[in-house]
Protein backbone atom coordinates (compact mmCIF):
# COMPACT_ATOMS: atom_id res chain seq x y z
CA UNK A 1 127.06 101.95 109.79
CA UNK A 2 127.82 100.10 112.56
CA UNK A 3 126.44 100.95 115.76
CA UNK A 4 127.84 98.29 117.83
CA UNK A 5 131.41 100.34 116.52
CA UNK A 6 129.69 103.52 117.40
CA UNK A 7 128.58 102.74 121.15
CA UNK A 8 131.80 101.98 121.40
CA UNK A 9 133.50 105.06 119.96
CA UNK A 10 131.62 106.54 122.75
CA UNK A 11 132.70 106.50 126.46
CA UNK A 12 129.36 106.70 127.61
CA UNK A 13 128.54 109.20 130.54
CA UNK A 14 127.14 108.99 134.53
CA UNK A 15 127.02 112.65 135.06
CA UNK A 16 125.90 115.85 133.61
CA UNK A 17 129.74 116.91 133.80
CA UNK A 18 131.06 114.09 131.97
CA UNK A 19 128.03 114.31 129.23
CA UNK A 20 128.92 118.15 128.55
CA UNK A 21 131.46 118.57 126.77
CA UNK A 22 130.90 115.60 124.17
CA UNK A 23 127.64 116.81 123.30
CA UNK A 24 128.99 119.94 123.08
CA UNK A 25 131.66 117.57 120.39
CA UNK A 26 129.48 116.55 118.73
CA UNK A 27 127.14 119.41 118.12
CA UNK A 28 129.62 121.30 116.25
CA UNK A 29 129.66 118.32 113.67
CA UNK A 30 125.86 118.60 112.72
CA UNK A 31 125.55 119.45 109.43
CA UNK A 32 122.20 120.48 107.81
CA UNK A 33 122.18 120.38 103.93
CA UNK A 34 120.44 118.93 101.19
CA UNK A 35 119.61 115.20 100.37
CA UNK A 36 122.86 113.64 98.61
CA UNK A 37 120.11 110.63 97.35
CA UNK A 38 117.22 110.04 97.19
CA UNK A 39 114.86 108.38 100.02
CA UNK A 40 113.62 104.93 98.99
CA UNK A 41 113.33 103.65 102.57
CA UNK A 42 113.05 105.64 106.22
CA UNK A 43 113.52 104.43 109.95
CA UNK A 44 111.13 106.01 112.34
CA UNK A 45 112.40 105.86 116.24
CA UNK A 46 110.83 105.99 119.46
CA UNK A 47 111.74 104.39 123.31
CA UNK A 48 109.89 104.05 126.00
CA UNK A 49 110.99 103.44 129.82
CA UNK A 50 109.51 100.83 132.06
CA UNK A 51 111.33 101.08 135.39
CA UNK A 52 114.89 101.50 135.16
CA UNK A 53 114.56 99.16 131.65
CA UNK A 54 114.51 101.48 128.15
CA UNK A 55 113.03 99.65 125.15
CA UNK A 56 113.61 101.22 122.17
CA UNK A 57 111.91 100.92 118.65
CA UNK A 58 113.06 100.40 114.92
CA UNK A 59 110.23 100.37 111.87
CA UNK A 60 112.02 100.63 108.34
CA UNK A 61 109.60 101.71 106.09
CA UNK A 62 109.17 101.76 102.04
CA UNK A 63 109.76 105.41 101.58
CA UNK A 64 107.12 105.49 98.16
CA UNK A 65 104.72 103.06 99.65
CA UNK A 66 105.00 103.28 103.07
CA UNK A 67 104.52 99.34 103.09
CA UNK A 68 106.59 97.76 106.51
CA UNK A 69 109.72 96.11 105.28
CA UNK A 70 110.99 95.47 108.94
CA UNK A 71 111.09 95.83 113.21
CA UNK A 72 113.16 95.69 115.61
CA UNK A 73 114.28 96.45 119.43
CA UNK A 74 116.21 96.25 122.48
CA UNK A 75 116.14 96.37 125.59
CA UNK A 76 119.07 98.01 127.94
CA UNK A 77 119.20 99.11 131.63
CA UNK A 78 118.73 103.05 131.82
CA UNK A 79 122.33 104.50 131.99
CA UNK A 80 121.94 107.77 132.00
CA UNK A 81 119.73 109.99 134.49
CA UNK A 82 117.02 111.77 133.85
CA UNK A 83 118.26 115.56 133.49
CA UNK A 84 116.01 117.62 130.53
CA UNK A 85 118.59 118.51 127.40
CA UNK A 86 120.47 115.58 128.09
CA UNK A 87 118.11 112.62 127.20
CA UNK A 88 120.42 111.50 124.82
CA UNK A 89 122.78 109.60 126.84
CA UNK A 90 119.97 107.95 128.47
CA UNK A 91 117.79 107.05 124.37
CA UNK A 92 121.10 106.72 122.53
CA UNK A 93 122.62 103.43 123.34
CA UNK A 94 119.58 101.39 123.39
CA UNK A 95 118.14 102.72 120.65
CA UNK A 96 121.79 102.36 118.09
CA UNK A 97 121.66 98.42 119.23
CA UNK A 98 117.75 98.21 118.31
CA UNK A 99 119.12 100.13 114.51
CA UNK A 100 121.69 97.18 114.72
CA UNK A 101 119.68 94.79 114.38
CA UNK A 102 117.58 95.96 110.62
CA UNK A 103 117.98 93.77 108.05
CA UNK A 104 119.22 96.82 105.60
CA UNK A 105 120.13 100.17 107.00
CA UNK A 106 117.12 103.06 105.56
CA UNK A 107 118.65 106.13 104.18
CA UNK A 108 117.09 108.01 106.59
CA UNK A 109 115.76 108.50 109.74
CA UNK A 110 112.72 109.96 112.04
CA UNK A 111 113.16 109.65 115.48
CA UNK A 112 111.00 111.11 118.08
CA UNK A 113 112.13 113.77 119.84
CA UNK A 114 114.41 117.21 118.63
CA UNK A 115 117.31 117.79 116.53
CA UNK A 116 118.87 120.80 116.57
CA UNK A 117 115.69 122.26 118.00
CA UNK A 118 117.70 121.94 121.45
CA UNK A 119 119.35 124.61 123.74
CA UNK A 120 122.84 123.17 122.62
CA UNK A 121 121.70 121.81 119.01
CA UNK A 122 122.03 118.91 119.58
CA UNK A 123 118.74 117.04 120.00
CA UNK A 124 118.40 112.98 120.16
CA UNK A 125 117.68 113.17 115.81
CA UNK A 126 120.83 115.21 115.55
CA UNK A 127 123.01 112.97 117.85
CA UNK A 128 121.35 110.07 116.42
CA UNK A 129 122.12 112.09 113.16
CA UNK A 130 126.13 112.56 113.71
CA UNK A 131 127.67 108.72 115.17
CA UNK A 132 125.61 107.13 112.18
CA UNK A 133 126.36 109.67 109.53
CA UNK A 134 122.84 109.49 107.97
CA UNK A 135 119.99 112.10 107.85
CA UNK A 136 117.63 112.26 110.50
CA UNK A 137 114.82 114.21 110.88
CA UNK A 138 113.54 114.91 114.91
CA UNK A 139 109.97 115.04 114.78
CA UNK A 140 108.41 116.05 118.63
CA UNK A 141 104.95 115.99 120.57
CA UNK A 142 105.81 119.21 122.57
CA UNK A 143 108.16 122.15 122.13
CA UNK A 144 111.06 122.47 123.99
CA UNK A 145 112.61 125.77 122.24
CA UNK A 146 111.70 128.59 120.75
CA UNK A 147 108.75 130.66 120.33
CA UNK A 148 106.10 130.09 117.50
CA UNK A 149 102.85 131.49 115.65
CA UNK A 150 100.27 128.54 115.60
CA UNK A 151 99.41 127.52 112.06
CA UNK A 152 96.40 127.74 110.29
CA UNK A 153 94.22 124.93 110.88
CA UNK A 154 94.38 123.47 107.34
CA UNK A 155 96.79 119.80 107.19
CA UNK A 156 100.99 120.86 105.29
CA UNK A 157 100.04 124.28 107.41
CA UNK A 158 103.18 125.68 109.51
CA UNK A 159 105.03 128.11 111.22
CA UNK A 160 108.60 128.78 112.34
CA UNK A 161 110.32 127.92 115.07
CA UNK A 162 112.46 130.56 116.73
CA UNK A 163 115.12 130.54 119.28
CA UNK A 164 117.58 133.26 119.79
CA UNK A 165 116.52 135.02 116.91
CA UNK A 166 117.18 131.46 114.65
CA UNK A 167 114.70 129.12 112.80
CA UNK A 168 115.75 125.79 114.44
CA UNK A 169 112.49 124.22 112.95
CA UNK A 170 109.32 124.13 112.19
CA UNK A 171 105.67 124.12 114.01
CA UNK A 172 104.22 121.24 111.31
CA UNK A 173 100.36 120.55 111.16
CA UNK A 174 99.81 117.12 109.90
CA UNK A 175 95.89 116.77 109.69
CA UNK A 176 93.27 119.40 109.90
CA UNK A 177 92.74 120.62 112.98
CA UNK A 178 94.52 118.96 114.98
CA UNK A 179 97.76 119.40 117.15
CA UNK A 180 101.00 120.44 115.03
CA UNK A 181 103.57 118.50 115.75
CA UNK A 182 107.71 120.08 116.61
CA UNK A 183 109.90 119.22 113.37
CA UNK A 184 113.37 120.25 113.03
CA UNK A 185 116.02 119.11 111.16
CA UNK A 186 118.76 117.03 112.80
CA UNK A 187 121.89 116.02 110.64
CA UNK A 188 121.60 116.17 106.73
CA UNK A 189 118.79 117.33 105.48
CA UNK A 190 117.40 120.51 105.82
CA UNK A 191 114.03 121.98 107.07
CA UNK A 192 112.19 122.13 103.92
CA UNK A 193 113.16 118.70 102.80
CA UNK A 194 112.23 117.74 106.51
CA UNK A 195 108.60 119.36 106.18
CA UNK A 196 108.32 117.73 103.07
CA UNK A 197 109.02 114.50 104.09
CA UNK A 198 106.63 114.48 106.97
CA UNK A 199 103.77 115.48 105.23
CA UNK A 200 104.57 112.58 102.56
CA UNK A 201 104.53 110.06 105.73
CA UNK A 202 101.48 111.12 107.65
CA UNK A 203 99.14 110.19 105.64
CA UNK A 204 95.81 109.63 108.68
CA UNK A 205 97.56 110.73 111.55
CA UNK A 206 98.71 113.16 113.56
CA UNK A 207 102.75 111.12 114.06
CA UNK A 208 103.89 110.07 110.07
CA UNK A 209 103.57 106.01 109.74
CA UNK A 210 106.94 105.08 110.48
CA UNK A 211 107.40 106.81 114.10
CA UNK A 212 103.44 105.88 115.32
CA UNK A 213 104.73 102.48 114.15
CA UNK A 214 108.09 102.58 116.34
CA UNK A 215 105.90 104.07 118.95
CA UNK A 216 103.29 101.24 118.82
CA UNK A 217 106.00 98.27 119.29
CA UNK A 218 107.60 100.29 121.60
CA UNK A 219 104.38 100.35 123.72
CA UNK A 220 103.87 96.80 122.95
CA UNK A 221 107.72 95.31 124.08
CA UNK A 222 106.78 97.50 127.71
CA UNK A 223 103.73 95.57 128.01
CA UNK A 224 104.94 92.47 127.05
CA UNK A 225 107.76 92.95 129.98
CA UNK A 226 105.80 94.04 132.69
């Protein structure tokens, strides 16, 4: 995996007219399938904005012990305007740059955002997964598409997120009586596996530990950047 070379493979667009065919082409490459190997390392990915800057953060964890192994970040000028449904084009270049700095690539990524729970079935998690050819999960704090019934109040309870008759994710309770998260497979993983991974990593808080660490890192870097 060489994120720099992956960045160069896309002629990054500056408007929707340029972005739409790229997004549609990548959407055709999304594949949901059982994990091909045991997960030993996992990384959380998040991004924050400060004016015209985007701050991407990646936190690498041991999957079994959930101990932090490495953290990296990247700061770039925002390359694409804010347009709902096309946020990958704003965030992915900086995220790939941050991933490239990791000591070694993880087996799986948890991305703060959507996987296939997206109008065109390619949220940021699916977008990154296709580019990197690695398994990804989208774990979002809010819903982008679909309808659902509120899951039961206990940890581990979930209900399907359904959009246009298709199950695109799970509304998952990661703590008792705490607002659920919206989990959707991104690439090279199934929905049941994605649910299991998120529950394994959500030990004390609403967000899974790798994602929570990346969120905290992005916040720290943003404060330091002013």
